[in-house]
């Protein structure tokens, strides 16, 4: 079940979509990082050592409220310890090797009495740590280490951060987004829908007059056919802005062939995919959620837009697609 499955899409829709967007960023960046480390074989490669450890330092500091610093800056090539928080008395080894031998070797090389009274923690991001749970270790006197509580992998990190407040989640997502490249080309490519939303943000909606080509009750049979209750009022209210969307589409088409068609085709494809599992108001809600996720995650989106303004502009585009019969069934 989704971590947000218990939340209803409605008054909390903006929070819901923002959490989902942030989760997507965190998950994709951790997956990308895990793959890179696995391909490299070890995060302790000479050229990438400090960079990798600094990334994990910030991840752990944000998620667990620590003040870790890189131990290798204090003592070059410290084999047992990568990160230290002296105030919290914790030391971390970050490795791509999830073997019992690696953990035990790190424990054996901890410098004593320098770190006496510290808790040792082991992080393996490129592989799971389930294999370690059944292992026993010889822990040096003066060092604390519980394999269940003090071992971490990407799943554990994701689970722990999602138990935090939204500010912590957003802080980690922001750091990962800036520090790690997107995992897919699709994530880096701007959406045609975003262009339309950006253009809408520059228009004065209060000055829009009734579209003479759209009669107020033309789409009522379609609303009834698709069993729209909540969205009936929204469609009726926002249909007036189709004239504005048409103007933007005409401007967009001047930039290249099939620009507006690509927008409407994209919305149609989203509708077809989501309609396999949803219908009625729920389907319209999920369309709104999905388009919000696409646009808000697009680096070309107008950053000055508030969440409420973004939601409103997306509703205008969706209602226009509804009126143009690109989404939802139309009466025969």
Protein backbone atom coordinates (compact mmCIF):
# COMPACT_ATOMS: atom_id res chain seq x y z
CA UNK A 1 0.00 0.00 0.00
CA UNK A 2 1.22 3.48 -0.82
CA UNK A 3 2.57 5.46 2.09
CA UNK A 4 -0.07 8.09 1.27
CA UNK A 5 -2.90 5.63 0.60
CA UNK A 6 -4.79 6.63 3.71
CA UNK A 7 -4.94 10.28 2.61
CA UNK A 8 -7.95 11.36 0.58
CA UNK A 9 -7.64 13.53 -2.47
CA UNK A 10 -9.69 16.63 -1.79
CA UNK A 11 -8.95 19.48 0.59
CA UNK A 12 -5.56 17.91 1.28
CA UNK A 13 -4.79 17.38 -2.42
CA UNK A 14 -1.94 19.90 -2.55
CA UNK A 15 -0.17 18.35 0.45
CA UNK A 16 -0.79 14.88 -0.96
CA UNK A 17 0.73 15.73 -4.33
CA UNK A 18 3.65 17.62 -2.80
CA UNK A 19 4.51 14.65 -0.58
CA UNK A 20 4.25 12.31 -3.54
CA UNK A 21 6.49 14.57 -5.63
CA UNK A 22 9.09 14.81 -2.87
CA UNK A 23 9.01 11.04 -2.35
CA UNK A 24 9.58 10.54 -6.07
CA UNK A 25 12.63 12.80 -5.99
CA UNK A 26 14.12 11.03 -2.97
CA UNK A 27 13.44 7.55 -4.33
CA UNK A 28 14.81 8.28 -7.81
CA UNK A 29 17.97 9.97 -6.51
CA UNK A 30 18.73 7.20 -4.00
CA UNK A 31 18.17 4.60 -6.73
CA UNK A 32 20.47 6.51 -9.07
CA UNK A 33 23.14 6.80 -6.39
CA UNK A 34 22.82 3.11 -5.53
CA UNK A 35 23.24 2.11 -9.18
CA UNK A 36 26.27 4.37 -9.65
CA UNK A 37 27.97 2.94 -6.59
CA UNK A 38 27.20 -0.60 -7.62
CA UNK A 39 28.67 0.01 -11.08
CA UNK A 40 31.79 1.60 -9.63
CA UNK A 41 32.24 -1.34 -7.28
CA UNK A 42 33.08 0.82 -4.29
CA UNK A 43 32.30 4.30 -3.06
CA UNK A 44 35.85 4.48 -1.72
CA UNK A 45 37.39 5.00 -5.15
CA UNK A 46 40.16 7.58 -4.87
CA UNK A 47 38.52 10.13 -7.18
CA UNK A 48 35.04 9.93 -5.67
CA UNK A 49 35.75 9.21 -2.01
CA UNK A 50 35.14 12.65 -0.50
CA UNK A 51 32.18 13.40 -2.77
CA UNK A 52 30.39 10.13 -1.91
CA UNK A 53 30.98 10.47 1.79
CA UNK A 54 29.82 14.08 1.78
CA UNK A 55 26.57 13.06 0.10
CA UNK A 56 25.90 10.46 2.77
CA UNK A 57 26.97 12.87 5.47
CA UNK A 58 24.25 15.30 4.43
CA UNK A 59 21.63 12.57 4.00
CA UNK A 60 22.25 11.22 7.49
CA UNK A 61 22.45 14.67 9.04
CA UNK A 62 19.09 15.66 7.56
CA UNK A 63 17.25 12.43 8.31
CA UNK A 64 18.59 11.81 11.82
CA UNK A 65 19.33 15.33 12.99
CA UNK A 66 23.06 14.66 13.36
CA UNK A 67 26.12 16.87 12.87
CA UNK A 68 28.42 14.42 11.11
CA UNK A 69 31.72 15.42 9.57
CA UNK A 70 34.08 13.50 7.33
CA UNK A 71 36.56 11.53 9.46
CA UNK A 72 38.96 11.25 6.53
CA UNK A 73 39.53 14.98 6.73
CA UNK A 74 40.84 14.47 10.26
CA UNK A 75 42.88 11.37 9.55
CA UNK A 76 43.68 10.43 5.97
CA UNK A 77 42.42 7.00 4.83
CA UNK A 78 40.72 6.04 8.09
CA UNK A 79 39.69 2.49 7.16
CA UNK A 80 37.09 1.91 9.89
CA UNK A 81 35.32 5.24 10.07
CA UNK A 82 33.97 7.58 7.40
CA UNK A 83 31.73 9.95 9.36
CA UNK A 84 31.79 11.17 12.96
CA UNK A 85 29.49 13.17 15.23
CA UNK A 86 31.46 13.74 18.43
CA UNK A 87 28.57 15.42 20.25
CA UNK A 88 26.21 12.51 19.59
CA UNK A 89 29.07 10.00 19.98
CA UNK A 90 28.30 8.13 16.78
CA UNK A 91 30.64 6.87 14.05
CA UNK A 92 29.60 5.65 10.60
CA UNK A 93 31.18 3.35 8.08
CA UNK A 94 29.67 3.85 4.60
CA UNK A 95 30.39 1.02 2.18
CA UNK A 96 29.23 -0.78 -0.95
CA UNK A 97 30.26 -4.07 0.65
CA UNK A 98 27.46 -5.61 2.74
CA UNK A 99 29.38 -8.67 3.89
CA UNK A 100 29.78 -9.72 7.52
CA UNK A 101 33.53 -9.68 6.94
CA UNK A 102 33.44 -5.99 6.00
CA UNK A 103 31.45 -5.03 9.10
CA UNK A 104 33.66 -7.05 11.42
CA UNK A 105 36.81 -5.66 9.84
CA UNK A 106 35.52 -2.12 10.41
CA UNK A 107 34.73 -2.91 14.04
CA UNK A 108 38.18 -4.37 14.57
CA UNK A 109 39.91 -1.27 13.19
CA UNK A 110 38.09 1.30 15.33
CA UNK A 111 40.69 3.39 17.10
CA UNK A 112 40.49 3.02 20.87
CA UNK A 113 40.39 4.66 23.32
CA UNK A 114 39.73 7.60 20.97
CA UNK A 115 36.21 6.39 20.18
CA UNK A 116 35.42 4.67 23.44
CA UNK A 117 31.76 5.26 24.35
CA UNK A 118 30.73 5.79 20.72
CA UNK A 119 28.04 3.87 18.79
CA UNK A 120 29.20 2.29 15.54
CA UNK A 121 26.76 2.42 12.61
CA UNK A 122 27.04 0.73 9.22
CA UNK A 123 25.51 2.05 5.99
CA UNK A 124 25.35 0.07 2.74
CA UNK A 125 23.45 1.95 0.05
CA UNK A 126 24.18 -0.18 -3.01
CA UNK A 127 23.01 -3.47 -1.51
CA UNK A 128 20.56 -4.61 1.14
CA UNK A 129 21.49 -5.40 4.73
CA UNK A 130 19.06 -8.25 5.41
CA UNK A 131 21.94 -10.72 5.24
CA UNK A 132 23.56 -9.02 8.24
CA UNK A 133 20.55 -9.44 10.51
CA UNK A 134 21.32 -13.07 11.26
CA UNK A 135 25.01 -12.42 11.89
CA UNK A 136 26.79 -11.98 15.20
CA UNK A 137 29.77 -9.71 15.66
CA UNK A 138 32.67 -9.32 18.05
CA UNK A 139 32.19 -5.76 19.21
CA UNK A 140 35.20 -4.12 20.86
CA UNK A 141 34.88 -3.11 24.52
CA UNK A 142 33.75 0.47 24.78
CA UNK A 143 31.93 0.40 21.40
CA UNK A 144 28.17 -0.06 21.01
CA UNK A 145 26.77 -1.83 17.94
CA UNK A 146 23.38 -3.49 17.49
CA UNK A 147 23.11 -4.95 13.99
CA UNK A 148 19.33 -4.42 13.84
CA UNK A 149 19.26 -0.83 15.08
CA UNK A 150 22.60 0.35 13.69
CA UNK A 151 22.58 -0.99 10.12
CA UNK A 152 21.17 1.00 7.22
CA UNK A 153 20.40 0.53 3.53
CA UNK A 154 18.42 2.63 1.03
CA UNK A 155 15.11 1.05 2.10
CA UNK A 156 15.77 1.85 5.75
CA UNK A 157 16.75 5.44 4.90
CA UNK A 158 13.61 5.94 2.81
CA UNK A 159 11.37 4.44 5.49
CA UNK A 160 12.91 6.59 8.20
CA UNK A 161 12.70 9.85 6.25
CA UNK A 162 9.05 9.24 5.36
CA UNK A 163 8.27 9.06 9.07
CA UNK A 164 9.57 12.63 9.46
CA UNK A 165 7.67 15.90 9.09
CA UNK A 166 7.18 17.41 5.64
CA UNK A 167 9.89 20.04 6.23
CA UNK A 168 12.51 17.32 6.76
CA UNK A 169 11.28 15.41 3.72
CA UNK A 170 11.42 18.57 1.61
CA UNK A 171 14.91 19.42 2.88
CA UNK A 172 16.26 15.99 1.90
CA UNK A 173 14.52 16.10 -1.50
CA UNK A 174 15.99 19.54 -2.18
CA UNK A 175 19.50 18.38 -1.27
CA UNK A 176 19.30 15.22 -3.39
CA UNK A 177 17.78 17.10 -6.32
CA UNK A 178 20.68 19.55 -6.36
CA UNK A 179 23.41 17.00 -5.62
CA UNK A 180 22.49 14.01 -7.77
CA UNK A 181 21.54 13.99 -11.44
CA UNK A 182 18.02 12.85 -12.40
CA UNK A 183 17.87 9.11 -12.93
CA UNK A 184 16.06 9.30 -16.25
CA UNK A 185 16.19 11.45 -19.38
CA UNK A 186 12.41 11.85 -19.10
CA UNK A 187 12.81 13.61 -15.77
CA UNK A 188 15.21 16.12 -17.34
CA UNK A 189 13.03 16.80 -20.42
CA UNK A 190 10.50 19.65 -20.16
CA UNK A 191 6.81 18.84 -20.62
CA UNK A 192 4.64 20.48 -23.26
CA UNK A 193 1.93 20.82 -20.63
CA UNK A 194 4.24 23.03 -18.57
CA UNK A 195 4.51 25.50 -21.43
CA UNK A 196 0.74 25.98 -21.48
CA UNK A 197 0.60 26.34 -17.69
CA UNK A 198 3.35 28.97 -17.79
CA UNK A 199 1.47 30.92 -20.47
CA UNK A 200 -1.73 30.78 -18.42
CA UNK A 201 0.14 32.22 -15.45
CA UNK A 202 0.79 35.37 -17.50
CA UNK A 203 -2.86 35.89 -18.41
CA UNK A 204 -5.46 37.88 -16.48
CA UNK A 205 -8.30 35.43 -15.94
CA UNK A 206 -10.64 38.15 -14.66
CA UNK A 207 -10.68 39.72 -18.12
CA UNK A 208 -11.78 36.55 -19.92
CA UNK A 209 -15.25 36.78 -21.42
CA UNK A 210 -17.63 33.94 -22.16
CA UNK A 211 -16.50 31.81 -25.07
CA UNK A 212 -19.22 32.15 -27.71
CA UNK A 213 -18.28 28.74 -29.15
CA UNK A 214 -19.08 26.92 -25.92
CA UNK A 215 -22.69 26.81 -24.83
CA UNK A 216 -23.12 26.42 -21.06
CA UNK A 217 -25.15 23.22 -21.30
CA UNK A 218 -23.41 21.54 -24.23
CA UNK A 219 -21.23 19.44 -21.93
CA UNK A 220 -23.91 18.58 -19.33
CA UNK A 221 -24.78 15.25 -21.02
CA UNK A 222 -21.09 14.36 -20.99
CA UNK A 223 -20.85 15.27 -17.31
CA UNK A 224 -23.82 13.05 -16.53
CA UNK A 225 -22.55 10.19 -18.70
CA UNK A 226 -19.24 10.13 -16.82
CA UNK A 227 -20.98 10.44 -13.43
CA UNK A 228 -19.19 13.61 -12.39
CA UNK A 229 -20.61 15.13 -9.22
CA UNK A 230 -17.90 17.20 -7.58
CA UNK A 231 -16.33 18.09 -10.92
CA UNK A 232 -19.63 19.16 -12.46
CA UNK A 233 -19.40 22.57 -10.80
CA UNK A 234 -15.68 22.86 -11.65
CA UNK A 235 -16.23 22.06 -15.33
CA UNK A 236 -19.13 24.49 -15.53
CA UNK A 237 -17.08 27.25 -13.90
CA UNK A 238 -13.82 26.73 -15.78
CA UNK A 239 -15.19 26.06 -19.28
CA UNK A 240 -15.25 29.80 -19.91
CA UNK A 241 -11.45 29.80 -20.04
CA UNK A 242 -11.30 27.55 -23.10
CA UNK A 243 -11.07 30.65 -25.26
CA UNK A 244 -7.90 31.59 -23.43
CA UNK A 245 -6.44 28.10 -23.81
CA UNK A 246 -7.25 28.19 -27.53
CA UNK A 247 -5.29 31.43 -27.86
CA UNK A 248 -2.29 29.88 -26.09
CA UNK A 249 -2.45 26.79 -28.31
CA UNK A 250 -2.40 28.98 -31.42
CA UNK A 251 0.66 30.81 -30.08
CA UNK A 252 2.33 27.51 -29.22
CA UNK A 253 1.76 26.10 -32.70
CA UNK A 254 3.77 28.97 -34.14
CA UNK A 255 6.83 27.51 -32.39
CA UNK A 256 6.61 24.24 -34.25
CA UNK A 257 4.37 21.62 -35.82
CA UNK A 258 1.97 19.67 -33.59
CA UNK A 259 2.75 21.55 -30.37
CA UNK A 260 -0.86 21.89 -29.18
CA UNK A 261 -1.63 18.41 -30.47
CA UNK A 262 1.17 17.06 -28.28
CA UNK A 263 -0.40 18.68 -25.21
CA UNK A 264 -3.85 17.25 -25.89
CA UNK A 265 -2.43 13.86 -26.87
CA UNK A 266 -0.44 13.77 -23.64
CA UNK A 267 -3.55 14.50 -21.59
CA UNK A 268 -5.48 11.88 -23.55
CA UNK A 269 -2.81 9.24 -22.87
CA UNK A 270 -2.80 10.07 -19.16
CA UNK A 271 -6.57 9.74 -19.14
CA UNK A 272 -6.50 6.34 -20.88
CA UNK A 273 -3.92 4.96 -18.45
CA UNK A 274 -5.70 6.21 -15.35
CA UNK A 275 -9.14 5.17 -16.61
CA UNK A 276 -8.10 1.53 -16.37
CA UNK A 277 -8.47 1.72 -12.60
CA UNK A 278 -10.61 4.80 -11.91
CA UNK A 279 -13.73 6.58 -13.12
CA UNK A 280 -15.91 9.59 -12.38
CA UNK A 281 -14.71 12.19 -9.89
CA UNK A 282 -11.90 9.90 -8.72
CA UNK A 283 -10.50 9.73 -12.25
CA UNK A 284 -10.61 13.52 -12.62
CA UNK A 285 -8.87 13.87 -9.24
CA UNK A 286 -6.11 11.51 -10.32
CA UNK A 287 -5.66 13.37 -13.59
CA UNK A 288 -5.24 16.58 -11.63
CA UNK A 289 -2.77 14.88 -9.32
CA UNK A 290 -0.71 13.41 -12.16
CA UNK A 291 -0.51 16.64 -14.17
CA UNK A 292 0.43 18.55 -11.02
CA UNK A 293 3.23 16.04 -10.42
CA UNK A 294 4.51 16.44 -14.00
CA UNK A 295 4.40 20.24 -14.06
CA UNK A 296 5.64 20.85 -10.53
CA UNK A 297 8.57 18.51 -11.13
CA UNK A 298 9.49 20.25 -14.40
CA UNK A 299 12.45 22.58 -14.05
CA UNK A 300 10.88 24.96 -16.58
CA UNK A 301 7.76 25.57 -14.48
CA UNK A 302 7.18 29.18 -13.41
CA UNK A 303 8.61 29.21 -9.88
CA UNK A 304 6.62 32.29 -8.91
CA UNK A 305 3.37 30.31 -9.04
CA UNK A 306 1.87 29.39 -5.69
CA UNK A 307 0.49 25.88 -5.27
CA UNK A 308 -3.04 27.22 -5.46
CA UNK A 309 -2.33 29.11 -8.69
CA UNK A 310 -0.71 26.06 -10.22
CA UNK A 311 -3.71 23.90 -9.28
CA UNK A 312 -6.10 26.45 -10.78
CA UNK A 313 -4.22 26.63 -14.08
CA UNK A 314 -4.07 22.85 -14.34
CA UNK A 315 -7.83 22.67 -13.79
CA UNK A 316 -8.31 25.13 -16.66
CA UNK A 317 -6.23 22.96 -19.01
CA UNK A 318 -8.02 19.77 -17.93
CA UNK A 319 -11.48 21.29 -18.30
CA UNK A 320 -10.53 22.53 -21.75
CA UNK A 321 -9.43 19.00 -22.68
CA UNK A 322 -12.77 17.76 -21.31
CA UNK A 323 -14.69 20.27 -23.45
CA UNK A 324 -12.62 19.27 -26.49
CA UNK A 325 -13.47 15.60 -25.74
CA UNK A 326 -9.82 14.59 -25.31
CA UNK A 327 -10.58 13.15 -21.88
CA UNK A 328 -13.65 11.20 -20.66
CA UNK A 329 -16.29 9.48 -22.74
CA UNK A 330 -18.53 11.62 -24.92
CA UNK A 331 -22.22 10.97 -25.56
CA UNK A 332 -23.08 9.37 -28.87
